[in-house]
């Protein structure tokens, strides 16, 4: 059975609960996740604040869009070059 998918903001809030002094086992039990998952999140988002995580997500989305635009432009360029070669 698949577990719940947490947003980046939710992950950071869960990590901050443990930083406030609540035991990791208690936090994991409360949110129904394994300690391995908790420590993986801590390694990934350990020092990050919610605001920074949102900014990171926005930058990743923008980067993805720019990569798609570049791929489309390169494809269009190749098609135009192929058409030009056939005409000559």
PDB file of N, CA and C in Angstrom:
ATOM      1  N   UNK A   1       0.836  -1.182   0.000  1.00  0.00           N
ATOM      2  CA  UNK A   1       0.000   0.000   0.000  1.00  0.00           C
ATOM      3  C   UNK A   1       0.882   1.247   0.000  1.00  0.00           C
ATOM      4  N   UNK A   2       0.569   2.183  -0.866  1.00  0.00           N
ATOM      5  CA  UNK A   2       1.334   3.417  -0.946  1.00  0.00           C
ATOM      6  C   UNK A   2       0.963   4.332   0.203  1.00  0.00           C
ATOM      7  N   UNK A   3       1.959   5.049   0.693  1.00  0.00           N
ATOM      8  CA  UNK A   3       1.729   6.011   1.756  1.00  0.00           C
ATOM      9  C   UNK A   3       1.358   7.359   1.185  1.00  0.00           C
ATOM     10  N   UNK A   4       1.165   8.304   2.081  1.00  0.00           N
ATOM     11  CA  UNK A   4       0.816   9.661   1.679  1.00  0.00           C
ATOM     12  C   UNK A   4       2.023  10.340   1.057  1.00  0.00           C
ATOM     13  N   UNK A   5       1.796  11.149   0.073  1.00  0.00           N
ATOM     14  CA  UNK A   5       2.861  11.952  -0.520  1.00  0.00           C
ATOM     15  C   UNK A   5       2.846  13.312   0.167  1.00  0.00           C
ATOM     16  N   UNK A   6       3.996  13.704   0.671  1.00  0.00           N
ATOM     17  CA  UNK A   6       4.117  14.964   1.375  1.00  0.00           C
ATOM     18  C   UNK A   6       4.729  16.014   0.454  1.00  0.00           C
ATOM     19  N   UNK A   7       4.254  17.240   0.584  1.00  0.00           N
ATOM     20  CA  UNK A   7       4.855  18.333  -0.159  1.00  0.00           C
ATOM     21  C   UNK A   7       6.174  18.706   0.514  1.00  0.00           C
ATOM     22  N   UNK A   8       6.978  19.468  -0.177  1.00  0.00           N
ATOM     23  CA  UNK A   8       8.254  19.897   0.383  1.00  0.00           C
ATOM     24  C   UNK A   8       8.031  20.713   1.652  1.00  0.00           C
ATOM     25  N   UNK A   9       7.018  21.556   1.635  1.00  0.00           N
ATOM     26  CA  UNK A   9       6.723  22.379   2.809  1.00  0.00           C
ATOM     27  C   UNK A   9       6.343  21.509   3.999  1.00  0.00           C
ATOM     28  N   UNK A  10       5.525  20.476   3.762  1.00  0.00           N
ATOM     29  CA  UNK A  10       5.130  19.567   4.843  1.00  0.00           C
ATOM     30  C   UNK A  10       6.342  18.820   5.400  1.00  0.00           C
ATOM     31  N   UNK A  11       7.232  18.403   4.524  1.00  0.00           N
ATOM     32  CA  UNK A  11       8.439  17.698   4.966  1.00  0.00           C
ATOM     33  C   UNK A  11       9.265  18.585   5.890  1.00  0.00           C
ATOM     34  N   UNK A  12       9.438  19.832   5.515  1.00  0.00           N
ATOM     35  CA  UNK A  12      10.240  20.751   6.325  1.00  0.00           C
ATOM     36  C   UNK A  12       9.556  21.022   7.661  1.00  0.00           C
ATOM     37  N   UNK A  13       8.243  21.160   7.663  1.00  0.00           N
ATOM     38  CA  UNK A  13       7.532  21.368   8.932  1.00  0.00           C
ATOM     39  C   UNK A  13       7.700  20.167   9.864  1.00  0.00           C
ATOM     40  N   UNK A  14       7.667  18.969   9.297  1.00  0.00           N
ATOM     41  CA  UNK A  14       7.871  17.765  10.100  1.00  0.00           C
ATOM     42  C   UNK A  14       9.287  17.752  10.671  1.00  0.00           C
ATOM     43  N   UNK A  15      10.273  18.122   9.860  1.00  0.00           N
ATOM     44  CA  UNK A  15      11.655  18.185  10.340  1.00  0.00           C
ATOM     45  C   UNK A  15      11.809  19.209  11.460  1.00  0.00           C
ATOM     46  N   UNK A  16      11.121  20.336  11.359  1.00  0.00           N
ATOM     47  CA  UNK A  16      11.205  21.371  12.383  1.00  0.00           C
ATOM     48  C   UNK A  16      10.597  20.908  13.710  1.00  0.00           C
ATOM     49  N   UNK A  17       9.586  20.033  13.653  1.00  0.00           N
ATOM     50  CA  UNK A  17       9.024  19.476  14.887  1.00  0.00           C
ATOM     51  C   UNK A  17      10.100  18.751  15.675  1.00  0.00           C
ATOM     52  N   UNK A  18      10.907  17.966  14.988  1.00  0.00           N
ATOM     53  CA  UNK A  18      11.980  17.226  15.654  1.00  0.00           C
ATOM     54  C   UNK A  18      13.050  18.191  16.174  1.00  0.00           C
ATOM     55  N   UNK A  19      13.265  19.303  15.467  1.00  0.00           N
ATOM     56  CA  UNK A  19      14.255  20.286  15.916  1.00  0.00           C
ATOM     57  C   UNK A  19      13.823  20.971  17.210  1.00  0.00           C
ATOM     58  N   UNK A  20      12.518  21.022  17.455  1.00  0.00           N
ATOM     59  CA  UNK A  20      11.998  21.681  18.652  1.00  0.00           C
ATOM     60  C   UNK A  20      12.164  20.827  19.908  1.00  0.00           C
ATOM     61  N   UNK A  21      12.650  19.611  19.739  1.00  0.00           N
ATOM     62  CA  UNK A  21      12.894  18.781  20.915  1.00  0.00           C
ATOM     63  C   UNK A  21      12.026  17.543  21.002  1.00  0.00           C
ATOM     64  N   UNK A  22      11.078  17.392  20.103  1.00  0.00           N
ATOM     65  CA  UNK A  22      10.243  16.191  20.091  1.00  0.00           C
ATOM     66  C   UNK A  22      11.090  15.033  19.559  1.00  0.00           C
ATOM     67  N   UNK A  23      10.963  13.869  20.168  1.00  0.00           N
ATOM     68  CA  UNK A  23      11.752  12.712  19.748  1.00  0.00           C
ATOM     69  C   UNK A  23      11.413  12.324  18.311  1.00  0.00           C
ATOM     70  N   UNK A  24      12.438  11.894  17.578  1.00  0.00           N
ATOM     71  CA  UNK A  24      12.256  11.507  16.179  1.00  0.00           C
ATOM     72  C   UNK A  24      11.256  10.365  16.064  1.00  0.00           C
ATOM     73  N   UNK A  25      11.342   9.400  16.968  1.00  0.00           N
ATOM     74  CA  UNK A  25      10.403   8.263  16.916  1.00  0.00           C
ATOM     75  C   UNK A  25       8.966   8.739  17.089  1.00  0.00           C
ATOM     76  N   UNK A  26       8.776   9.727  17.965  1.00  0.00           N
ATOM     77  CA  UNK A  26       7.428  10.269  18.197  1.00  0.00           C
ATOM     78  C   UNK A  26       6.918  11.007  16.962  1.00  0.00           C
ATOM     79  N   UNK A  27       7.774  11.803  16.351  1.00  0.00           N
ATOM     80  CA  UNK A  27       7.385  12.542  15.140  1.00  0.00           C
ATOM     81  C   UNK A  27       7.029  11.561  14.026  1.00  0.00           C
ATOM     82  N   UNK A  28       7.851  10.527  13.866  1.00  0.00           N
ATOM     83  CA  UNK A  28       7.601   9.539  12.814  1.00  0.00           C
ATOM     84  C   UNK A  28       6.293   8.801  13.056  1.00  0.00           C
ATOM     85  N   UNK A  29       6.039   8.443  14.292  1.00  0.00           N
ATOM     86  CA  UNK A  29       4.799   7.731  14.618  1.00  0.00           C
ATOM     87  C   UNK A  29       3.585   8.625  14.370  1.00  0.00           C
ATOM     88  N   UNK A  30       3.702   9.885  14.768  1.00  0.00           N
ATOM     89  CA  UNK A  30       2.598  10.836  14.610  1.00  0.00           C
ATOM     90  C   UNK A  30       2.236  11.053  13.148  1.00  0.00           C
ATOM     91  N   UNK A  31       3.251  11.081  12.275  1.00  0.00           N
ATOM     92  CA  UNK A  31       3.021  11.350  10.857  1.00  0.00           C
ATOM     93  C   UNK A  31       3.027  10.077  10.013  1.00  0.00           C
ATOM     94  N   UNK A  32       3.157   8.942  10.657  1.00  0.00           N
ATOM     95  CA  UNK A  32       3.099   7.636   9.996  1.00  0.00           C
ATOM     96  C   UNK A  32       4.164   7.509   8.898  1.00  0.00           C
ATOM     97  N   UNK A  33       5.420   7.753   9.294  1.00  0.00           N
ATOM     98  CA  UNK A  33       6.514   7.540   8.358  1.00  0.00           C
ATOM     99  C   UNK A  33       7.676   6.865   9.073  1.00  0.00           C
ATOM    100  N   UNK A  34       8.510   6.234   8.274  1.00  0.00           N
ATOM    101  CA  UNK A  34       9.630   5.497   8.847  1.00  0.00           C
ATOM    102  C   UNK A  34      10.761   6.448   9.218  1.00  0.00           C
ATOM    103  N   UNK A  35      11.615   5.972  10.107  1.00  0.00           N
ATOM    104  CA  UNK A  35      12.759   6.785  10.507  1.00  0.00           C
ATOM    105  C   UNK A  35      13.739   6.942   9.350  1.00  0.00           C
ATOM    106  N   UNK A  36      13.803   5.940   8.490  1.00  0.00           N
ATOM    107  CA  UNK A  36      14.673   6.030   7.308  1.00  0.00           C
ATOM    108  C   UNK A  36      14.217   7.185   6.424  1.00  0.00           C
ATOM    109  N   UNK A  37      12.923   7.290   6.213  1.00  0.00           N
ATOM    110  CA  UNK A  37      12.368   8.387   5.414  1.00  0.00           C
ATOM    111  C   UNK A  37      12.669   9.724   6.078  1.00  0.00           C
ATOM    112  N   UNK A  38      12.478   9.779   7.386  1.00  0.00           N
ATOM    113  CA  UNK A  38      12.749  11.016   8.124  1.00  0.00           C
ATOM    114  C   UNK A  38      14.196  11.460   7.919  1.00  0.00           C
ATOM    115  N   UNK A  39      15.135  10.527   8.069  1.00  0.00           N
ATOM    116  CA  UNK A  39      16.544  10.886   7.935  1.00  0.00           C
ATOM    117  C   UNK A  39      16.914  11.231   6.488  1.00  0.00           C
ATOM    118  N   UNK A  40      16.254  10.618   5.516  1.00  0.00           N
ATOM    119  CA  UNK A  40      16.483  10.973   4.112  1.00  0.00           C
ATOM    120  C   UNK A  40      16.026  12.415   3.870  1.00  0.00           C
ATOM    121  N   UNK A  41      14.852  12.753   4.414  1.00  0.00           N
ATOM    122  CA  UNK A  41      14.361  14.123   4.290  1.00  0.00           C
ATOM    123  C   UNK A  41      15.304  15.092   4.981  1.00  0.00           C
ATOM    124  N   UNK A  42      15.816  14.691   6.133  1.00  0.00           N
ATOM    125  CA  UNK A  42      16.710  15.570   6.888  1.00  0.00           C
ATOM    126  C   UNK A  42      17.985  15.836   6.095  1.00  0.00           C
ATOM    127  N   UNK A  43      18.502  14.821   5.422  1.00  0.00           N
ATOM    128  CA  UNK A  43      19.694  14.991   4.602  1.00  0.00           C
ATOM    129  C   UNK A  43      19.383  15.901   3.406  1.00  0.00           C
ATOM    130  N   UNK A  44      18.177  15.770   2.859  1.00  0.00           N
ATOM    131  CA  UNK A  44      17.812  16.531   1.669  1.00  0.00           C
ATOM    132  C   UNK A  44      17.411  17.972   1.997  1.00  0.00           C
ATOM    133  N   UNK A  45      16.616  18.154   3.068  1.00  0.00           N
ATOM    134  CA  UNK A  45      16.052  19.470   3.378  1.00  0.00           C
ATOM    135  C   UNK A  45      16.490  20.003   4.740  1.00  0.00           C
ATOM    136  N   UNK A  46      17.507  19.421   5.334  1.00  0.00           N
ATOM    137  CA  UNK A  46      17.900  19.692   6.709  1.00  0.00           C
ATOM    138  C   UNK A  46      17.934  21.142   7.138  1.00  0.00           C
ATOM    139  N   UNK A  47      18.676  21.982   6.457  1.00  0.00           N
ATOM    140  CA  UNK A  47      18.842  23.365   6.874  1.00  0.00           C
ATOM    141  C   UNK A  47      17.928  24.333   6.128  1.00  0.00           C
ATOM    142  N   UNK A  48      17.035  23.789   5.325  1.00  0.00           N
ATOM    143  CA  UNK A  48      16.192  24.620   4.473  1.00  0.00           C
ATOM    144  C   UNK A  48      14.940  25.082   5.223  1.00  0.00           C
ATOM    145  N   UNK A  49      14.546  26.303   4.980  1.00  0.00           N
ATOM    146  CA  UNK A  49      13.302  26.832   5.525  1.00  0.00           C
ATOM    147  C   UNK A  49      12.206  26.690   4.469  1.00  0.00           C
ATOM    148  N   UNK A  50      10.962  26.814   4.896  1.00  0.00           N
ATOM    149  CA  UNK A  50       9.822  26.646   3.991  1.00  0.00           C
ATOM    150  C   UNK A  50       9.901  27.637   2.825  1.00  0.00           C
ATOM    151  N   UNK A  51      10.271  28.857   3.122  1.00  0.00           N
ATOM    152  CA  UNK A  51      10.375  29.894   2.086  1.00  0.00           C
ATOM    153  C   UNK A  51      11.414  29.501   1.029  1.00  0.00           C
ATOM    154  N   UNK A  52      12.542  28.971   1.489  1.00  0.00           N
ATOM    155  CA  UNK A  52      13.594  28.541   0.573  1.00  0.00           C
ATOM    156  C   UNK A  52      13.139  27.352  -0.261  1.00  0.00           C
ATOM    157  N   UNK A  53      12.377  26.459   0.343  1.00  0.00           N
ATOM    158  CA  UNK A  53      11.884  25.287  -0.380  1.00  0.00           C
ATOM    159  C   UNK A  53      10.925  25.695  -1.488  1.00  0.00           C
ATOM    160  N   UNK A  54      10.082  26.660  -1.200  1.00  0.00           N
ATOM    161  CA  UNK A  54       9.165  27.156  -2.235  1.00  0.00           C
ATOM    162  C   UNK A  54       9.947  27.773  -3.391  1.00  0.00           C
ATOM    163  N   UNK A  55      10.968  28.539  -3.057  1.00  0.00           N
ATOM    164  CA  UNK A  55      11.803  29.158  -4.086  1.00  0.00           C
ATOM    165  C   UNK A  55      12.507  28.101  -4.922  1.00  0.00           C
ATOM    166  N   UNK A  56      13.012  27.055  -4.256  1.00  0.00           N
ATOM    167  CA  UNK A  56      13.664  25.952  -4.961  1.00  0.00           C
ATOM    168  C   UNK A  56      12.695  25.279  -5.921  1.00  0.00           C
ATOM    169  N   UNK A  57      11.472  25.036  -5.460  1.00  0.00           N
ATOM    170  CA  UNK A  57      10.471  24.401  -6.307  1.00  0.00           C
ATOM    171  C   UNK A  57      10.159  25.268  -7.522  1.00  0.00           C
ATOM    172  N   UNK A  58      10.044  26.584  -7.319  1.00  0.00           N
ATOM    173  CA  UNK A  58       9.787  27.503  -8.431  1.00  0.00           C
ATOM    174  C   UNK A  58      10.938  27.486  -9.434  1.00  0.00           C
ATOM    175  N   UNK A  59      12.156  27.487  -8.919  1.00  0.00           N
ATOM    176  CA  UNK A  59      13.321  27.454  -9.807  1.00  0.00           C
ATOM    177  C   UNK A  59      13.405  26.145 -10.587  1.00  0.00           C
ATOM    178  N   UNK A  60      13.073  25.031  -9.937  1.00  0.00           N
ATOM    179  CA  UNK A  60      13.075  23.744 -10.639  1.00  0.00           C
ATOM    180  C   UNK A  60      12.025  23.719 -11.736  1.00  0.00           C
ATOM    181  N   UNK A  61      10.854  24.277 -11.470  1.00  0.00           N
ATOM    182  CA  UNK A  61       9.787  24.344 -12.471  1.00  0.00           C
ATOM    183  C   UNK A  61      10.217  25.217 -13.647  1.00  0.00           C
ATOM    184  N   UNK A  62      10.812  26.366 -13.346  1.00  0.00           N
ATOM    185  CA  UNK A  62      11.281  27.266 -14.401  1.00  0.00           C
ATOM    186  C   UNK A  62      12.375  26.600 -15.234  1.00  0.00           C
ATOM    187  N   UNK A  63      13.287  25.908 -14.575  1.00  0.00           N
ATOM    188  CA  UNK A  63      14.356  25.204 -15.266  1.00  0.00           C
ATOM    189  C   UNK A  63      13.790  24.146 -16.209  1.00  0.00           C
ATOM    190  N   UNK A  64      12.799  23.425 -15.757  1.00  0.00           N
ATOM    191  CA  UNK A  64      12.167  22.400 -16.582  1.00  0.00           C
ATOM    192  C   UNK A  64      11.524  23.019 -17.826  1.00  0.00           C
ATOM    193  N   UNK A  65      10.831  24.139 -17.642  1.00  0.00           N
ATOM    194  CA  UNK A  65      10.201  24.812 -18.773  1.00  0.00           C
ATOM    195  C   UNK A  65      11.238  25.309 -19.771  1.00  0.00           C
ATOM    196  N   UNK A  66      12.336  25.852 -19.260  1.00  0.00           N
ATOM    197  CA  UNK A  66      13.389  26.344 -20.151  1.00  0.00           C
ATOM    198  C   UNK A  66      14.039  25.204 -20.931  1.00  0.00           C
ATOM    199  N   UNK A  67      14.222  24.062 -20.309  1.00  0.00           N
ATOM    200  CA  UNK A  67      14.779  22.900 -21.003  1.00  0.00           C
ATOM    201  C   UNK A  67      13.849  22.440 -22.119  1.00  0.00           C
ATOM    202  N   UNK A  68      12.543  22.460 -21.859  1.00  0.00           N
ATOM    203  CA  UNK A  68      11.581  22.081 -22.894  1.00  0.00           C
ATOM    204  C   UNK A  68      11.626  23.062 -24.061  1.00  0.00           C
ATOM    205  N   UNK A  69      11.704  24.344 -23.735  1.00  0.00           N
ATOM    206  CA  UNK A  69      11.767  25.356 -24.788  1.00  0.00           C
ATOM    207  C   UNK A  69      13.022  25.189 -25.637  1.00  0.00           C
ATOM    208  N   UNK A  70      14.149  24.906 -24.993  1.00  0.00           N
ATOM    209  CA  UNK A  70      15.400  24.698 -25.721  1.00  0.00           C
ATOM    210  C   UNK A  70      15.304  23.473 -26.626  1.00  0.00           C
ATOM    211  N   UNK A  71      14.734  22.389 -26.109  1.00  0.00           N
ATOM    212  CA  UNK A  71      14.591  21.170 -26.903  1.00  0.00           C
ATOM    213  C   UNK A  71      13.708  21.425 -28.125  1.00  0.00           C
ATOM    214  N   UNK A  72      12.621  22.163 -27.953  1.00  0.00           N
ATOM    215  CA  UNK A  72      11.740  22.485 -29.072  1.00  0.00           C
ATOM    216  C   UNK A  72      12.458  23.352 -30.109  1.00  0.00           C
ATOM    217  N   UNK A  73      13.232  24.319 -29.635  1.00  0.00           N
ATOM    218  CA  UNK A  73      13.958  25.197 -30.553  1.00  0.00           C
ATOM    219  C   UNK A  73      15.000  24.407 -31.341  1.00  0.00           C
ATOM    220  N   UNK A  74      15.718  23.504 -30.671  1.00  0.00           N
ATOM    221  CA  UNK A  74      16.715  22.683 -31.357  1.00  0.00           C
ATOM    222  C   UNK A  74      16.059  21.772 -32.393  1.00  0.00           C
ATOM    223  N   UNK A  75      14.923  21.199 -32.037  1.00  0.00           N
ATOM    224  CA  UNK A  75      14.208  20.335 -32.968  1.00  0.00           C
ATOM    225  C   UNK A  75      13.735  21.124 -34.191  1.00  0.00           C
ATOM    226  N   UNK A  76      13.201  22.300 -33.947  1.00  0.00           N
ATOM    227  CA  UNK A  76      12.743  23.158 -35.045  1.00  0.00           C
ATOM    228  C   UNK A  76      13.911  23.525 -35.961  1.00  0.00           C
ATOM    229  N   UNK A  77      15.049  23.815 -35.362  1.00  0.00           N
ATOM    230  CA  UNK A  77      16.244  24.159 -36.125  1.00  0.00           C
ATOM    231  C   UNK A  77      16.679  22.980 -37.001  1.00  0.00           C
ATOM    232  N   UNK A  78      16.676  21.780 -36.459  1.00  0.00           N
ATOM    233  CA  UNK A  78      17.066  20.596 -37.229  1.00  0.00           C
ATOM    234  C   UNK A  78      16.115  20.347 -38.392  1.00  0.00           C
ATOM    235  N   UNK A  79      14.830  20.534 -38.138  1.00  0.00           N
ATOM    236  CA  UNK A  79      13.834  20.330 -39.198  1.00  0.00           C
ATOM    237  C   UNK A  79      14.055  21.339 -40.313  1.00  0.00           C
ATOM    238  N   UNK A  80      14.285  22.590 -39.965  1.00  0.00           N
ATOM    239  CA  UNK A  80      14.517  23.618 -40.977  1.00  0.00           C
ATOM    240  C   UNK A  80      15.786  23.331 -41.772  1.00  0.00           C
ATOM    241  N   UNK A  81      16.841  22.868 -41.093  1.00  0.00           N
ATOM    242  CA  UNK A  81      18.072  22.508 -41.800  1.00  0.00           C
ATOM    243  C   UNK A  81      17.838  21.348 -42.766  1.00  0.00           C
ATOM    244  N   UNK A  82      17.048  20.367 -42.357  1.00  0.00           N
ATOM    245  CA  UNK A  82      16.764  19.219 -43.210  1.00  0.00           C
ATOM    246  C   UNK A  82      15.952  19.658 -44.440  1.00  0.00           C
ATOM    247  N   UNK A  83      15.006  20.561 -44.254  1.00  0.00           N
ATOM    248  CA  UNK A  83      14.206  21.063 -45.363  1.00  0.00           C
ATOM    249  C   UNK A  83      15.076  21.829 -46.339  1.00  0.00           C
ATOM    250  N   UNK A  84      15.961  22.666 -45.812  1.00  0.00           N
ATOM    251  CA  UNK A  84      16.859  23.444 -46.665  1.00  0.00           C
ATOM    252  C   UNK A  84      17.787  22.543 -47.476  1.00  0.00           C
ATOM    253  N   UNK A  85      18.280  21.494 -46.897  1.00  0.00           N
ATOM    254  CA  UNK A  85      19.171  20.563 -47.602  1.00  0.00           C
ATOM    255  C   UNK A  85      18.428  19.866 -48.726  1.00  0.00           C
ATOM    256  N   UNK A  86      17.175  19.508 -48.492  1.00  0.00           N
ATOM    257  CA  UNK A  86      16.402  18.809 -49.530  1.00  0.00           C
ATOM    258  C   UNK A  86      16.127  19.732 -50.710  1.00  0.00           C
ATOM    259  N   UNK A  87      15.938  21.023 -50.451  1.00  0.00           N
ATOM    260  CA  UNK A  87      15.660  21.952 -51.548  1.00  0.00           C
ATOM    261  C   UNK A  87      16.883  22.181 -52.412  1.00  0.00           C
ATOM    262  N   UNK A  88      18.064  22.046 -51.843  1.00  0.00           N
ATOM    263  CA  UNK A  88      19.286  22.283 -52.616  1.00  0.00           C
ATOM    264  C   UNK A  88      19.628  21.028 -53.323  1.00  0.00           C
TER     265      UNK A  88
END
